[in-house]
Amino acid sequence: MEFEKDILELEKKIVELKEFSEAKNIDLSGEIDKLKNEYNEKMKEIYSELGPWDRVQVARHPKRPYTLDYVEHITTDFVELHGDRLYKDDPAVVAGICKIDGKKVMIIGHQKGREVEEKIHRNFGMANPEGYRKALRLMKMAERFNMPVITLIDTPGAYPGIEAEKHGQGEAIARNLLEMAGLKVPITAIVIGEGGSGGALAFGVADKVYMCENSIYSVISPEGCAAILFKDAAKAPEAAESLRVSADSVLELGIIDGIILEPVGGAHRNYNEMTENVKKQILGAISELEEKSTEELLQDRYDKFRKMGAFSE
């Protein structure tokens, strides 16, 4: 990433010094440690000053942990469930029953894919209507068996293709919003990467909504906003500033309940630390929400979303 140039230079120096030390059998541990300390300080400095557009780049980092990475690190006994029972299965959405520290939950999330073939298979995390209908089917299953629902949001947006529109993309998203508002089990949503438009919101009507520190949440991508408002997608950085996409801005607006801290340098630099942070937040949210009666849960969820956007003259 553009803002990491200084970090990359230090990384190269550290590698070169290690290789020279090994090749010449010279002890340069003192110099290497000095460079490592400089590297760590520089990393902290850069990541403490990231702007909205920088956060967008980190949120989209190809090595950032995706839903299946969190499933691997924080769950046990995961059984993936497929299909919407209407048309087909959508690989852009992964879901299943699992345990988190022995607690049975239904986990549902977008999956982008890493290698080219997987990206195409997963449609870059952009779900078709079948993905949202699969998610809703499993939310209803969780409700029947009294299991908390966990959603992990990471999508540029719902797939805008012709076939998706023919199959009722708008209706599928709207149906999820409606049904999630009245689901009689605790729902915890976490934006782990990109939270784009209605494709993200279809998983986001929850009792507790959190964002990872370097994730983004917005009604439209900065590029899409720039293309519409400025007739120039190259003005995406300016659009990102205006959209207030970063976690701290979204928290300030009262749209989310908290921010999950990431390792210095982003979630992609330390999966173990990042997934552990997410796990603690999930367990804390479930513990808090299970103290409420069903009536309290539904009323608080309703009030939470009704007060968004309220203003006084």
Protein backbone atom coordinates (compact mmCIF):
# COMPACT_ATOMS: atom_id res chain seq x y z
CA MET A 1 0.00 0.00 0.00
CA GLU A 2 1.17 3.49 -0.87
CA PHE A 3 1.41 4.71 2.73
CA GLU A 4 3.58 1.71 3.70
CA LYS A 5 6.61 2.67 1.58
CA ASP A 6 8.77 3.54 4.58
CA ILE A 7 7.82 0.27 6.27
CA LEU A 8 8.75 -1.74 3.19
CA GLU A 9 12.16 -0.09 3.03
CA LEU A 10 12.84 -1.08 6.63
CA GLU A 11 11.64 -4.63 5.95
CA LYS A 12 14.08 -4.91 3.04
CA LYS A 13 16.95 -3.64 5.18
CA ILE A 14 16.18 -6.16 7.93
CA VAL A 15 16.09 -9.05 5.43
CA GLU A 16 19.29 -7.93 3.73
CA LEU A 17 21.10 -7.60 7.04
CA LYS A 18 19.96 -11.07 8.15
CA GLU A 19 21.13 -12.63 4.88
CA PHE A 20 24.50 -10.85 5.07
CA SER A 21 24.92 -11.94 8.70
CA GLU A 22 24.27 -15.58 7.80
CA ALA A 23 26.40 -15.53 4.66
CA LYS A 24 29.43 -13.97 6.37
CA ASN A 25 28.83 -15.66 9.74
CA ILE A 26 28.92 -12.28 11.49
CA ASP A 27 26.81 -11.43 14.54
CA LEU A 28 24.71 -8.41 13.59
CA SER A 29 21.89 -9.08 16.06
CA GLY A 30 22.30 -5.66 17.68
CA GLU A 31 21.89 -3.81 14.39
CA ILE A 32 18.99 -6.07 13.38
CA ASP A 33 17.19 -5.48 16.69
CA LYS A 34 17.69 -1.74 16.28
CA LEU A 35 16.07 -1.86 12.82
CA LYS A 36 13.22 -4.01 14.17
CA ASN A 37 12.51 -1.45 16.89
CA GLU A 38 12.57 1.32 14.29
CA TYR A 39 10.21 -0.77 12.15
CA ASN A 40 7.74 -1.28 15.01
CA GLU A 41 7.74 2.40 15.93
CA LYS A 42 7.24 3.42 12.31
CA MET A 43 4.37 0.96 11.97
CA LYS A 44 2.65 2.39 15.06
CA GLU A 45 3.14 5.94 13.79
CA ILE A 46 1.75 5.25 10.31
CA TYR A 47 -1.26 3.22 11.46
CA SER A 48 -2.20 5.74 14.13
CA GLU A 49 -2.58 8.41 11.45
CA LEU A 50 -4.49 6.57 8.72
CA GLY A 51 -7.07 8.56 6.79
CA PRO A 52 -10.39 7.22 5.43
CA TRP A 53 -8.91 6.24 2.05
CA ASP A 54 -6.03 4.46 3.76
CA ARG A 55 -8.57 2.48 5.81
CA VAL A 56 -10.33 1.49 2.59
CA GLN A 57 -7.09 -0.01 1.28
CA VAL A 58 -6.45 -1.92 4.51
CA ALA A 59 -10.06 -3.20 4.57
CA ARG A 60 -9.54 -4.58 1.05
CA HIS A 61 -6.12 -6.11 1.72
CA PRO A 62 -6.04 -9.52 -0.02
CA LYS A 63 -4.44 -11.23 2.97
CA ARG A 64 -6.96 -9.91 5.47
CA PRO A 65 -8.76 -12.73 7.38
CA TYR A 66 -12.05 -13.72 5.77
CA THR A 67 -15.06 -15.51 7.26
CA LEU A 68 -13.59 -19.01 6.86
CA ASP A 69 -10.38 -17.87 8.57
CA TYR A 70 -12.40 -16.79 11.60
CA VAL A 71 -14.32 -20.07 11.48
CA GLU A 72 -11.01 -21.96 11.50
CA HIS A 73 -9.51 -19.97 14.36
CA ILE A 74 -12.40 -19.36 16.77
CA THR A 75 -14.88 -22.22 16.25
CA THR A 76 -15.03 -25.97 16.70
CA ASP A 77 -17.34 -28.60 15.22
CA PHE A 78 -18.25 -26.38 12.28
CA VAL A 79 -20.78 -27.96 9.94
CA GLU A 80 -21.33 -25.93 6.77
CA LEU A 81 -24.90 -25.80 5.49
CA HIS A 82 -25.76 -25.12 1.86
CA GLY A 83 -28.58 -23.95 -0.35
CA ASP A 84 -31.61 -21.69 -0.14
CA ARG A 85 -34.09 -24.56 -0.80
CA LEU A 86 -35.50 -22.50 -3.65
CA TYR A 87 -32.90 -22.39 -6.43
CA LYS A 88 -29.25 -23.07 -5.58
CA ASP A 89 -26.34 -22.58 -3.21
CA ASP A 90 -24.37 -19.32 -3.29
CA PRO A 91 -20.63 -19.73 -2.51
CA ALA A 92 -20.31 -15.98 -1.77
CA VAL A 93 -22.06 -16.70 1.54
CA VAL A 94 -20.77 -19.38 3.91
CA ALA A 95 -22.78 -20.48 6.91
CA GLY A 96 -23.16 -23.25 9.39
CA ILE A 97 -23.59 -24.45 12.95
CA CYS A 98 -20.53 -24.43 15.21
CA LYS A 99 -19.35 -23.93 18.75
CA ILE A 100 -17.40 -21.02 20.20
CA ASP A 101 -15.93 -22.02 23.55
CA GLY A 102 -18.60 -24.70 23.77
CA LYS A 103 -21.45 -22.30 22.94
CA LYS A 104 -23.56 -23.40 19.96
CA VAL A 105 -24.10 -20.62 17.42
CA MET A 106 -25.12 -20.13 13.81
CA ILE A 107 -22.37 -18.28 11.96
CA ILE A 108 -23.03 -16.62 8.59
CA GLY A 109 -20.64 -14.50 6.55
CA HIS A 110 -19.47 -13.29 3.16
CA GLN A 111 -16.47 -15.07 1.65
CA LYS A 112 -14.38 -13.30 -1.01
CA GLY A 113 -11.80 -15.92 -1.97
CA ARG A 114 -8.03 -15.50 -2.43
CA GLU A 115 -6.73 -17.20 -5.56
CA VAL A 116 -8.17 -16.19 -8.94
CA GLU A 117 -10.28 -19.34 -9.33
CA GLU A 118 -11.68 -19.04 -5.81
CA LYS A 119 -12.42 -15.33 -6.26
CA ILE A 120 -14.48 -16.17 -9.33
CA HIS A 121 -16.15 -19.09 -7.55
CA ARG A 122 -17.05 -16.86 -4.60
CA ASN A 123 -17.98 -13.97 -6.92
CA PHE A 124 -15.61 -11.71 -4.95
CA GLY A 125 -17.92 -11.90 -1.94
CA MET A 126 -20.85 -10.34 -3.80
CA ALA A 127 -23.89 -12.43 -2.98
CA ASN A 128 -26.77 -13.28 -5.28
CA PRO A 129 -30.34 -13.46 -3.92
CA GLU A 130 -29.76 -17.15 -3.19
CA GLY A 131 -27.02 -16.20 -0.73
CA TYR A 132 -29.30 -13.94 1.24
CA ARG A 133 -32.11 -16.49 1.16
CA LYS A 134 -29.72 -19.18 2.38
CA ALA A 135 -28.68 -16.88 5.22
CA LEU A 136 -32.31 -16.19 6.14
CA ARG A 137 -33.18 -19.89 6.08
CA LEU A 138 -30.38 -20.58 8.54
CA MET A 139 -31.30 -17.65 10.76
CA LYS A 140 -34.78 -19.13 11.01
CA MET A 141 -33.23 -22.50 11.84
CA ALA A 142 -31.19 -20.83 14.60
CA GLU A 143 -34.37 -19.29 15.94
CA ARG A 144 -36.09 -22.70 16.08
CA PHE A 145 -33.20 -24.21 18.01
CA ASN A 146 -32.60 -21.09 20.16
CA MET A 147 -29.06 -20.48 18.91
CA PRO A 148 -27.47 -17.00 18.77
CA VAL A 149 -26.70 -15.75 15.26
CA ILE A 150 -23.28 -14.34 14.35
CA THR A 151 -22.85 -12.53 11.02
CA LEU A 152 -19.49 -11.54 9.54
CA ILE A 153 -19.80 -8.78 6.96
CA ASP A 154 -17.23 -8.43 4.17
CA THR A 155 -18.61 -7.50 0.76
CA PRO A 156 -18.29 -4.64 -1.74
CA GLY A 157 -22.06 -4.99 -2.10
CA ALA A 158 -24.72 -7.37 -3.38
CA TYR A 159 -24.11 -8.64 -6.90
CA PRO A 160 -25.77 -6.21 -9.39
CA GLY A 161 -25.96 -8.64 -12.34
CA ILE A 162 -29.00 -9.11 -14.58
CA GLU A 163 -29.64 -12.65 -13.32
CA ALA A 164 -29.49 -11.46 -9.71
CA GLU A 165 -32.08 -8.79 -10.47
CA LYS A 166 -34.28 -11.33 -12.28
CA HIS A 167 -34.15 -13.58 -9.22
CA GLY A 168 -35.23 -10.78 -6.87
CA GLN A 169 -32.08 -9.25 -5.40
CA GLY A 170 -33.88 -6.26 -3.89
CA GLU A 171 -36.65 -8.40 -2.41
CA ALA A 172 -34.15 -10.86 -0.90
CA ILE A 173 -32.25 -8.07 0.84
CA ALA A 174 -35.44 -6.35 2.03
CA ARG A 175 -36.78 -9.67 3.33
CA ASN A 176 -33.63 -10.17 5.41
CA LEU A 177 -33.98 -6.69 6.93
CA LEU A 178 -37.59 -7.40 7.85
CA GLU A 179 -37.02 -10.88 9.25
CA MET A 180 -33.86 -10.00 11.17
CA ALA A 181 -35.69 -7.16 12.90
CA GLY A 182 -38.04 -9.71 14.44
CA LEU A 183 -35.74 -12.70 14.93
CA LYS A 184 -36.23 -14.02 18.47
CA VAL A 185 -32.60 -14.88 19.22
CA PRO A 186 -29.57 -12.63 19.84
CA ILE A 187 -27.83 -11.36 16.70
CA THR A 188 -24.26 -10.05 16.67
CA ALA A 189 -22.87 -8.55 13.46
CA ILE A 190 -19.22 -7.71 12.82
CA VAL A 191 -17.86 -5.84 9.81
CA ILE A 192 -14.54 -7.64 9.28
CA GLY A 193 -13.55 -5.95 6.02
CA GLU A 194 -15.81 -4.11 3.60
CA GLY A 195 -19.35 -3.28 4.59
CA GLY A 196 -20.81 -2.19 1.28
CA SER A 197 -24.36 -0.97 0.71
CA GLY A 198 -27.46 -3.17 1.05
CA GLY A 199 -25.33 -6.27 0.53
CA ALA A 200 -23.80 -5.60 3.92
CA LEU A 201 -26.92 -4.30 5.63
CA ALA A 202 -28.74 -7.56 4.80
CA PHE A 203 -26.53 -9.13 7.49
CA GLY A 204 -26.38 -6.04 9.69
CA VAL A 205 -29.75 -5.71 11.45
CA ALA A 206 -28.41 -6.95 14.76
CA ASP A 207 -28.61 -6.34 18.50
CA LYS A 208 -24.89 -5.60 18.57
CA VAL A 209 -22.97 -4.29 15.56
CA TYR A 210 -19.19 -3.96 15.68
CA MET A 211 -16.50 -2.98 13.22
CA CYS A 212 -12.91 -4.12 13.12
CA GLU A 213 -10.62 -1.12 13.48
CA ASN A 214 -9.58 -0.96 9.81
CA SER A 215 -12.86 -2.04 8.26
CA ILE A 216 -15.27 0.26 6.40
CA TYR A 217 -19.07 0.58 6.37
CA SER A 218 -20.87 2.69 3.81
CA VAL A 219 -23.95 3.08 1.63
CA ILE A 220 -21.74 2.99 -1.48
CA SER A 221 -18.10 2.43 -2.37
CA PRO A 222 -15.89 5.54 -2.55
CA GLU A 223 -15.31 4.84 -6.26
CA GLY A 224 -19.05 4.59 -6.92
CA CYS A 225 -19.74 7.75 -4.99
CA ALA A 226 -17.00 9.64 -6.84
CA ALA A 227 -18.29 8.46 -10.21
CA ILE A 228 -21.81 9.67 -9.41
CA LEU A 229 -21.08 12.93 -7.59
CA PHE A 230 -17.84 14.05 -9.23
CA LYS A 231 -18.10 12.17 -12.54
CA ASP A 232 -14.60 10.92 -11.81
CA ALA A 233 -13.82 7.65 -10.00
CA ALA A 234 -10.27 8.89 -9.42
CA LYS A 235 -11.68 11.18 -6.74
CA ALA A 236 -12.44 8.17 -4.55
CA PRO A 237 -10.14 9.38 -1.72
CA GLU A 238 -12.14 12.61 -1.51
CA ALA A 239 -15.39 10.64 -1.56
CA ALA A 240 -14.15 8.34 1.23
CA GLU A 241 -13.56 11.41 3.39
CA SER A 242 -17.08 12.70 2.77
CA LEU A 243 -18.74 9.32 3.25
CA ARG A 244 -17.16 8.87 6.69
CA VAL A 245 -16.53 5.19 6.02
CA SER A 246 -14.07 4.46 8.84
CA ALA A 247 -14.99 2.76 12.11
CA ASP A 248 -14.39 5.80 14.31
CA SER A 249 -16.72 7.93 12.17
CA VAL A 250 -19.42 5.25 12.05
CA LEU A 251 -19.20 4.86 15.84
CA GLU A 252 -19.51 8.61 16.27
CA LEU A 253 -22.67 8.55 14.14
CA GLY A 254 -24.17 5.93 16.45
CA ILE A 255 -24.51 3.24 13.78
CA ILE A 256 -22.30 0.68 15.52
CA ASP A 257 -21.82 -0.32 19.14
CA GLY A 258 -18.06 -0.58 19.27
CA ILE A 259 -14.72 -1.05 17.51
CA ILE A 260 -12.64 -4.22 17.70
CA LEU A 261 -8.96 -3.34 17.82
CA GLU A 262 -6.60 -4.85 15.27
CA PRO A 263 -2.90 -5.77 15.58
CA VAL A 264 -0.55 -2.93 14.69
CA GLY A 265 -0.31 -2.94 10.91
CA GLY A 266 -3.74 -4.46 10.33
CA ALA A 267 -5.57 -7.74 10.83
CA HIS A 268 -3.59 -9.43 8.05
CA ARG A 269 -0.37 -9.21 10.04
CA ASN A 270 -1.47 -11.38 12.97
CA TYR A 271 -4.40 -13.74 12.49
CA ASN A 272 -4.15 -15.21 15.98
CA GLU A 273 -4.41 -11.85 17.74
CA MET A 274 -7.16 -10.58 15.44
CA THR A 275 -9.34 -13.66 15.67
CA GLU A 276 -8.93 -13.77 19.45
CA ASN A 277 -10.11 -10.15 19.68
CA VAL A 278 -13.17 -10.97 17.59
CA LYS A 279 -13.89 -14.09 19.62
CA LYS A 280 -13.84 -12.14 22.90
CA GLN A 281 -16.22 -9.55 21.47
CA ILE A 282 -18.64 -12.22 20.22
CA LEU A 283 -18.69 -14.06 23.55
CA GLY A 284 -19.13 -10.81 25.46
CA ALA A 285 -22.04 -9.76 23.26
CA ILE A 286 -23.78 -13.14 23.54
CA SER A 287 -23.39 -13.14 27.31
CA GLU A 288 -24.92 -9.66 27.56
CA LEU A 289 -27.78 -10.33 25.15
CA GLU A 290 -28.80 -13.64 26.69
CA GLU A 291 -29.60 -11.79 29.92
CA LYS A 292 -32.55 -10.13 28.14
CA SER A 293 -36.01 -11.58 27.67
CA THR A 294 -37.25 -12.04 24.10
CA GLU A 295 -39.51 -9.01 24.48
CA GLU A 296 -36.62 -6.82 25.69
CA LEU A 297 -34.36 -8.11 22.94
CA LEU A 298 -36.82 -7.23 20.17
CA GLN A 299 -37.77 -3.86 21.64
CA ASP A 300 -34.13 -2.82 22.12
CA ARG A 301 -33.29 -3.90 18.57
CA TYR A 302 -36.23 -1.89 17.22
CA ASP A 303 -35.27 1.19 19.25
CA LYS A 304 -31.64 0.87 18.17
CA PHE A 305 -32.44 1.26 14.49
CA ARG A 306 -35.30 3.71 14.89
CA LYS A 307 -33.06 6.28 16.54
CA MET A 308 -30.46 6.23 13.75
CA GLY A 309 -30.51 9.43 11.73
CA ALA A 310 -32.65 11.29 14.26
CA PHE A 311 -31.98 15.02 14.48
CA SER A 312 -33.39 18.09 16.14
CA GLU A 313 -33.78 21.54 14.62
